[in-house]
Amino acid sequence: MYYKVQLMRNGRVVAATWEDNREDSEDSSSHTVLLPLQQGDQVYVELQRGRQLCGNVVGLNTFSGSLIYTSQA
């Protein structure tokens, strides 16, 4: 497996995980990231070109986010 996945905020890398082990396809990774966000910010996961991901038995990967609290600016 040869992958690199980046967590992006407004087009900039916030966190990344990668694997360069080409001997198997059974690797996994997880991250926990807390981000202070402003209204209108865009957060997404980006898979680098030419890389691939494996998934669970039905081919799924997950990305989730939760609002911890709001603040009044």
PDB file of N, CA and C in Angstrom:
ATOM      1  N   MET A   1       0.857  -1.176   0.000  1.00  0.00           N
ATOM      2  CA  MET A   1       0.000   0.000   0.000  1.00  0.00           C
ATOM      3  C   MET A   1       0.901   1.237   0.000  1.00  0.00           C
ATOM      4  N   TYR A   2       0.549   2.182  -0.805  1.00  0.00           N
ATOM      5  CA  TYR A   2       1.335   3.401  -0.956  1.00  0.00           C
ATOM      6  C   TYR A   2       0.363   4.565  -0.987  1.00  0.00           C
ATOM      7  N   TYR A   3       0.195   5.239   0.153  1.00  0.00           N
ATOM      8  CA  TYR A   3      -0.791   6.314   0.201  1.00  0.00           C
ATOM      9  C   TYR A   3      -0.267   7.522   0.963  1.00  0.00           C
ATOM     10  N   LYS A   4      -0.888   8.642   0.737  1.00  0.00           N
ATOM     11  CA  LYS A   4      -0.703   9.832   1.547  1.00  0.00           C
ATOM     12  C   LYS A   4      -2.026  10.586   1.529  1.00  0.00           C
ATOM     13  N   VAL A   5      -2.588  10.767   2.703  1.00  0.00           N
ATOM     14  CA  VAL A   5      -3.859  11.468   2.860  1.00  0.00           C
ATOM     15  C   VAL A   5      -3.599  12.692   3.716  1.00  0.00           C
ATOM     16  N   GLN A   6      -4.147  13.812   3.293  1.00  0.00           N
ATOM     17  CA  GLN A   6      -3.947  15.063   4.023  1.00  0.00           C
ATOM     18  C   GLN A   6      -5.289  15.624   4.468  1.00  0.00           C
ATOM     19  N   LEU A   7      -5.333  16.141   5.683  1.00  0.00           N
ATOM     20  CA  LEU A   7      -6.484  16.898   6.160  1.00  0.00           C
ATOM     21  C   LEU A   7      -6.231  18.348   5.787  1.00  0.00           C
ATOM     22  N   MET A   8      -7.158  18.924   5.050  1.00  0.00           N
ATOM     23  CA  MET A   8      -6.997  20.268   4.525  1.00  0.00           C
ATOM     24  C   MET A   8      -7.992  21.224   5.186  1.00  0.00           C
ATOM     25  N   ARG A   9      -7.549  22.457   5.403  1.00  0.00           N
ATOM     26  CA  ARG A   9      -8.435  23.541   5.835  1.00  0.00           C
ATOM     27  C   ARG A   9      -8.150  24.718   4.923  1.00  0.00           C
ATOM     28  N   ASN A  10      -9.152  25.100   4.167  1.00  0.00           N
ATOM     29  CA  ASN A  10      -9.037  26.242   3.257  1.00  0.00           C
ATOM     30  C   ASN A  10      -7.820  26.128   2.337  1.00  0.00           C
ATOM     31  N   GLY A  11      -7.580  24.915   1.815  1.00  0.00           N
ATOM     32  CA  GLY A  11      -6.510  24.707   0.857  1.00  0.00           C
ATOM     33  C   GLY A  11      -5.123  24.515   1.448  1.00  0.00           C
ATOM     34  N   ARG A  12      -5.007  24.463   2.766  1.00  0.00           N
ATOM     35  CA  ARG A  12      -3.708  24.262   3.415  1.00  0.00           C
ATOM     36  C   ARG A  12      -3.709  22.977   4.229  1.00  0.00           C
ATOM     37  N   VAL A  13      -2.571  22.291   4.234  1.00  0.00           N
ATOM     38  CA  VAL A  13      -2.440  21.028   4.968  1.00  0.00           C
ATOM     39  C   VAL A  13      -2.427  21.296   6.465  1.00  0.00           C
ATOM     40  N   VAL A  14      -3.277  20.578   7.195  1.00  0.00           N
ATOM     41  CA  VAL A  14      -3.342  20.687   8.656  1.00  0.00           C
ATOM     42  C   VAL A  14      -2.697  19.468   9.307  1.00  0.00           C
ATOM     43  N   ALA A  15      -2.910  18.292   8.719  1.00  0.00           N
ATOM     44  CA  ALA A  15      -2.338  17.041   9.223  1.00  0.00           C
ATOM     45  C   ALA A  15      -2.255  16.069   8.053  1.00  0.00           C
ATOM     46  N   ALA A  16      -1.393  15.081   8.174  1.00  0.00           N
ATOM     47  CA  ALA A  16      -1.254  14.092   7.102  1.00  0.00           C
ATOM     48  C   ALA A  16      -0.848  12.750   7.689  1.00  0.00           C
ATOM     49  N   THR A  17      -1.172  11.700   6.947  1.00  0.00           N
ATOM     50  CA  THR A  17      -0.717  10.361   7.278  1.00  0.00           C
ATOM     51  C   THR A  17      -0.306   9.679   5.975  1.00  0.00           C
ATOM     52  N   TRP A  18       0.698   8.827   6.043  1.00  0.00           N
ATOM     53  CA  TRP A  18       1.169   8.176   4.820  1.00  0.00           C
ATOM     54  C   TRP A  18       1.728   6.806   5.144  1.00  0.00           C
ATOM     55  N   GLU A  19       1.845   6.000   4.107  1.00  0.00           N
ATOM     56  CA  GLU A  19       2.387   4.650   4.200  1.00  0.00           C
ATOM     57  C   GLU A  19       3.123   4.368   2.905  1.00  0.00           C
ATOM     58  N   ASP A  20       4.341   3.864   3.005  1.00  0.00           N
ATOM     59  CA  ASP A  20       5.126   3.530   1.833  1.00  0.00           C
ATOM     60  C   ASP A  20       5.472   2.049   1.783  1.00  0.00           C
ATOM     61  N   ASN A  21       4.727   1.228   2.515  1.00  0.00           N
ATOM     62  CA  ASN A  21       4.958  -0.217   2.534  1.00  0.00           C
ATOM     63  C   ASN A  21       4.224  -0.836   1.350  1.00  0.00           C
ATOM     64  N   ARG A  22       4.942  -1.250   0.355  1.00  0.00           N
ATOM     65  CA  ARG A  22       4.318  -1.801  -0.844  1.00  0.00           C
ATOM     66  C   ARG A  22       4.216  -3.318  -0.788  1.00  0.00           C
ATOM     67  N   GLU A  23       4.503  -3.914   0.356  1.00  0.00           N
ATOM     68  CA  GLU A  23       4.509  -5.371   0.468  1.00  0.00           C
ATOM     69  C   GLU A  23       3.149  -5.956   0.825  1.00  0.00           C
ATOM     70  N   ASP A  24       2.214  -5.147   1.311  1.00  0.00           N
ATOM     71  CA  ASP A  24       0.893  -5.660   1.668  1.00  0.00           C
ATOM     72  C   ASP A  24      -0.142  -4.553   1.499  1.00  0.00           C
ATOM     73  N   SER A  25      -1.405  -4.901   1.749  1.00  0.00           N
ATOM     74  CA  SER A  25      -2.481  -3.913   1.652  1.00  0.00           C
ATOM     75  C   SER A  25      -3.324  -3.931   2.918  1.00  0.00           C
ATOM     76  N   GLU A  26      -2.687  -4.157   4.059  1.00  0.00           N
ATOM     77  CA  GLU A  26      -3.410  -4.320   5.310  1.00  0.00           C
ATOM     78  C   GLU A  26      -3.040  -3.264   6.346  1.00  0.00           C
ATOM     79  N   ASP A  27      -2.554  -2.118   5.934  1.00  0.00           N
ATOM     80  CA  ASP A  27      -2.150  -1.082   6.868  1.00  0.00           C
ATOM     81  C   ASP A  27      -3.327  -0.173   7.195  1.00  0.00           C
ATOM     82  N   SER A  28      -3.243   0.491   8.336  1.00  0.00           N
ATOM     83  CA  SER A  28      -4.304   1.420   8.717  1.00  0.00           C
ATOM     84  C   SER A  28      -3.698   2.607   9.449  1.00  0.00           C
ATOM     85  N   SER A  29      -4.488   3.659   9.557  1.00  0.00           N
ATOM     86  CA  SER A  29      -4.029   4.861  10.228  1.00  0.00           C
ATOM     87  C   SER A  29      -5.231   5.649  10.721  1.00  0.00           C
ATOM     88  N   SER A  30      -5.044   6.385  11.793  1.00  0.00           N
ATOM     89  CA  SER A  30      -6.089   7.283  12.267  1.00  0.00           C
ATOM     90  C   SER A  30      -5.430   8.486  12.927  1.00  0.00           C
ATOM     91  N   HIS A  31      -6.142   9.591  12.920  1.00  0.00           N
ATOM     92  CA  HIS A  31      -5.673  10.832  13.548  1.00  0.00           C
ATOM     93  C   HIS A  31      -6.849  11.482  14.263  1.00  0.00           C
ATOM     94  N   THR A  32      -6.541  12.201  15.310  1.00  0.00           N
ATOM     95  CA  THR A  32      -7.510  13.075  15.959  1.00  0.00           C
ATOM     96  C   THR A  32      -6.945  14.481  15.883  1.00  0.00           C
ATOM     97  N   VAL A  33      -7.716  15.393  15.335  1.00  0.00           N
ATOM     98  CA  VAL A  33      -7.261  16.772  15.149  1.00  0.00           C
ATOM     99  C   VAL A  33      -8.357  17.705  15.641  1.00  0.00           C
ATOM    100  N   LEU A  34      -7.996  18.670  16.465  1.00  0.00           N
ATOM    101  CA  LEU A  34      -8.926  19.717  16.896  1.00  0.00           C
ATOM    102  C   LEU A  34      -8.563  20.999  16.160  1.00  0.00           C
ATOM    103  N   LEU A  35      -9.542  21.585  15.477  1.00  0.00           N
ATOM    104  CA  LEU A  35      -9.295  22.796  14.693  1.00  0.00           C
ATOM    105  C   LEU A  35     -10.217  23.920  15.130  1.00  0.00           C
ATOM    106  N   PRO A  36      -9.657  25.085  15.411  1.00  0.00           N
ATOM    107  CA  PRO A  36     -10.537  26.250  15.590  1.00  0.00           C
ATOM    108  C   PRO A  36     -10.952  26.715  14.192  1.00  0.00           C
ATOM    109  N   LEU A  37     -12.249  26.791  13.959  1.00  0.00           N
ATOM    110  CA  LEU A  37     -12.759  27.149  12.641  1.00  0.00           C
ATOM    111  C   LEU A  37     -13.564  28.435  12.694  1.00  0.00           C
ATOM    112  N   GLN A  38     -13.584  29.108  11.584  1.00  0.00           N
ATOM    113  CA  GLN A  38     -14.412  30.298  11.408  1.00  0.00           C
ATOM    114  C   GLN A  38     -15.549  29.943  10.454  1.00  0.00           C
ATOM    115  N   GLN A  39     -16.632  30.658  10.526  1.00  0.00           N
ATOM    116  CA  GLN A  39     -17.734  30.431   9.601  1.00  0.00           C
ATOM    117  C   GLN A  39     -17.217  30.550   8.166  1.00  0.00           C
ATOM    118  N   GLY A  40     -17.573  29.574   7.338  1.00  0.00           N
ATOM    119  CA  GLY A  40     -17.139  29.589   5.948  1.00  0.00           C
ATOM    120  C   GLY A  40     -15.879  28.782   5.675  1.00  0.00           C
ATOM    121  N   ASP A  41     -15.152  28.345   6.719  1.00  0.00           N
ATOM    122  CA  ASP A  41     -13.966  27.513   6.502  1.00  0.00           C
ATOM    123  C   ASP A  41     -14.369  26.208   5.817  1.00  0.00           C
ATOM    124  N   GLN A  42     -13.506  25.704   4.955  1.00  0.00           N
ATOM    125  CA  GLN A  42     -13.727  24.424   4.293  1.00  0.00           C
ATOM    126  C   GLN A  42     -12.701  23.422   4.813  1.00  0.00           C
ATOM    127  N   VAL A  43     -13.184  22.284   5.281  1.00  0.00           N
ATOM    128  CA  VAL A  43     -12.331  21.213   5.795  1.00  0.00           C
ATOM    129  C   VAL A  43     -12.636  19.962   4.987  1.00  0.00           C
ATOM    130  N   TYR A  44     -11.585  19.312   4.489  1.00  0.00           N
ATOM    131  CA  TYR A  44     -11.781  18.117   3.673  1.00  0.00           C
ATOM    132  C   TYR A  44     -10.525  17.261   3.704  1.00  0.00           C
ATOM    133  N   VAL A  45     -10.666  16.021   3.237  1.00  0.00           N
ATOM    134  CA  VAL A  45      -9.556  15.077   3.158  1.00  0.00           C
ATOM    135  C   VAL A  45      -9.145  14.963   1.697  1.00  0.00           C
ATOM    136  N   GLU A  46      -7.839  14.984   1.448  1.00  0.00           N
ATOM    137  CA  GLU A  46      -7.311  14.934   0.084  1.00  0.00           C
ATOM    138  C   GLU A  46      -6.356  13.751  -0.045  1.00  0.00           C
ATOM    139  N   LEU A  47      -6.605  12.908  -1.015  1.00  0.00           N
ATOM    140  CA  LEU A  47      -5.713  11.797  -1.329  1.00  0.00           C
ATOM    141  C   LEU A  47      -4.754  12.267  -2.412  1.00  0.00           C
ATOM    142  N   GLN A  48      -3.469  12.111  -2.174  1.00  0.00           N
ATOM    143  CA  GLN A  48      -2.469  12.558  -3.143  1.00  0.00           C
ATOM    144  C   GLN A  48      -2.603  11.803  -4.463  1.00  0.00           C
ATOM    145  N   ARG A  49      -2.394  12.510  -5.552  1.00  0.00           N
ATOM    146  CA  ARG A  49      -2.470  11.935  -6.899  1.00  0.00           C
ATOM    147  C   ARG A  49      -1.522  10.744  -7.029  1.00  0.00           C
ATOM    148  N   GLY A  50      -2.006   9.707  -7.677  1.00  0.00           N
ATOM    149  CA  GLY A  50      -1.195   8.518  -7.895  1.00  0.00           C
ATOM    150  C   GLY A  50      -1.164   7.559  -6.719  1.00  0.00           C
ATOM    151  N   ARG A  51      -1.833   7.901  -5.636  1.00  0.00           N
ATOM    152  CA  ARG A  51      -1.869   7.032  -4.453  1.00  0.00           C
ATOM    153  C   ARG A  51      -3.235   6.364  -4.379  1.00  0.00           C
ATOM    154  N   GLN A  52      -3.359   5.357  -3.537  1.00  0.00           N
ATOM    155  CA  GLN A  52      -4.632   4.656  -3.404  1.00  0.00           C
ATOM    156  C   GLN A  52      -4.885   4.301  -1.948  1.00  0.00           C
ATOM    157  N   LEU A  53      -6.135   4.002  -1.627  1.00  0.00           N
ATOM    158  CA  LEU A  53      -6.524   3.581  -0.284  1.00  0.00           C
ATOM    159  C   LEU A  53      -7.234   2.245  -0.355  1.00  0.00           C
ATOM    160  N   CYS A  54      -7.019   1.427   0.663  1.00  0.00           N
ATOM    161  CA  CYS A  54      -7.849   0.241   0.817  1.00  0.00           C
ATOM    162  C   CYS A  54      -8.930   0.603   1.834  1.00  0.00           C
ATOM    163  N   GLY A  55      -9.938  -0.206   1.948  1.00  0.00           N
ATOM    164  CA  GLY A  55     -11.018   0.061   2.884  1.00  0.00           C
ATOM    165  C   GLY A  55     -11.346  -1.170   3.698  1.00  0.00           C
ATOM    166  N   ASN A  56     -12.496  -1.137   4.351  1.00  0.00           N
ATOM    167  CA  ASN A  56     -12.939  -2.306   5.098  1.00  0.00           C
ATOM    168  C   ASN A  56     -13.476  -3.344   4.108  1.00  0.00           C
ATOM    169  N   VAL A  57     -14.182  -4.361   4.576  1.00  0.00           N
ATOM    170  CA  VAL A  57     -14.619  -5.452   3.701  1.00  0.00           C
ATOM    171  C   VAL A  57     -15.556  -5.000   2.584  1.00  0.00           C
ATOM    172  N   VAL A  58     -16.206  -3.845   2.743  1.00  0.00           N
ATOM    173  CA  VAL A  58     -17.061  -3.327   1.665  1.00  0.00           C
ATOM    174  C   VAL A  58     -16.422  -2.120   0.990  1.00  0.00           C
ATOM    175  N   GLY A  59     -15.129  -1.892   1.253  1.00  0.00           N
ATOM    176  CA  GLY A  59     -14.401  -0.838   0.548  1.00  0.00           C
ATOM    177  C   GLY A  59     -14.586   0.564   1.081  1.00  0.00           C
ATOM    178  N   LEU A  60     -15.066   0.707   2.312  1.00  0.00           N
ATOM    179  CA  LEU A  60     -15.351   2.036   2.855  1.00  0.00           C
ATOM    180  C   LEU A  60     -14.227   2.574   3.729  1.00  0.00           C
ATOM    181  N   ASN A  61     -14.009   3.874   3.651  1.00  0.00           N
ATOM    182  CA  ASN A  61     -13.146   4.628   4.555  1.00  0.00           C
ATOM    183  C   ASN A  61     -14.022   5.692   5.194  1.00  0.00           C
ATOM    184  N   THR A  62     -13.624   6.214   6.351  1.00  0.00           N
ATOM    185  CA  THR A  62     -14.463   7.205   7.013  1.00  0.00           C
ATOM    186  C   THR A  62     -13.690   8.469   7.352  1.00  0.00           C
ATOM    187  N   PHE A  63     -14.411   9.566   7.370  1.00  0.00           N
ATOM    188  CA  PHE A  63     -13.938  10.864   7.828  1.00  0.00           C
ATOM    189  C   PHE A  63     -15.118  11.485   8.543  1.00  0.00           C
ATOM    190  N   SER A  64     -14.907  11.974   9.750  1.00  0.00           N
ATOM    191  CA  SER A  64     -16.017  12.579  10.472  1.00  0.00           C
ATOM    192  C   SER A  64     -15.529  13.800  11.240  1.00  0.00           C
ATOM    193  N   GLY A  65     -16.452  14.651  11.571  1.00  0.00           N
ATOM    194  CA  GLY A  65     -16.149  15.843  12.345  1.00  0.00           C
ATOM    195  C   GLY A  65     -17.293  16.158  13.293  1.00  0.00           C
ATOM    196  N   SER A  66     -16.981  16.812  14.381  1.00  0.00           N
ATOM    197  CA  SER A  66     -17.983  17.194  15.371  1.00  0.00           C
ATOM    198  C   SER A  66     -17.716  18.600  15.854  1.00  0.00           C
ATOM    199  N   LEU A  67     -18.781  19.343  16.073  1.00  0.00           N
ATOM    200  CA  LEU A  67     -18.666  20.661  16.668  1.00  0.00           C
ATOM    201  C   LEU A  67     -18.555  20.485  18.179  1.00  0.00           C
ATOM    202  N   ILE A  68     -17.441  20.921  18.751  1.00  0.00           N
ATOM    203  CA  ILE A  68     -17.227  20.789  20.199  1.00  0.00           C
ATOM    204  C   ILE A  68     -17.973  21.902  20.934  1.00  0.00           C
ATOM    205  N   TYR A  69     -17.776  23.142  20.493  1.00  0.00           N
ATOM    206  CA  TYR A  69     -18.502  24.281  21.052  1.00  0.00           C
ATOM    207  C   TYR A  69     -18.429  25.453  20.092  1.00  0.00           C
ATOM    208  N   THR A  70     -19.306  26.403  20.262  1.00  0.00           N
ATOM    209  CA  THR A  70     -19.274  27.634  19.470  1.00  0.00           C
ATOM    210  C   THR A  70     -18.771  28.758  20.353  1.00  0.00           C
ATOM    211  N   SER A  71     -18.212  29.752  19.743  1.00  0.00           N
ATOM    212  CA  SER A  71     -17.771  30.927  20.499  1.00  0.00           C
ATOM    213  C   SER A  71     -18.329  32.176  19.836  1.00  0.00           C
ATOM    214  N   GLN A  72     -18.543  33.178  20.617  1.00  0.00           N
ATOM    215  CA  GLN A  72     -19.024  34.464  20.108  1.00  0.00           C
ATOM    216  C   GLN A  72     -17.843  35.390  19.936  1.00  0.00           C
ATOM    217  N   ALA A  73     -17.562  35.787  18.707  1.00  0.00           N
ATOM    218  CA  ALA A  73     -16.419  36.657  18.432  1.00  0.00           C
ATOM    219  C   ALA A  73     -16.833  38.112  18.466  1.00  0.00           C
TER     220      ALA A  73
END
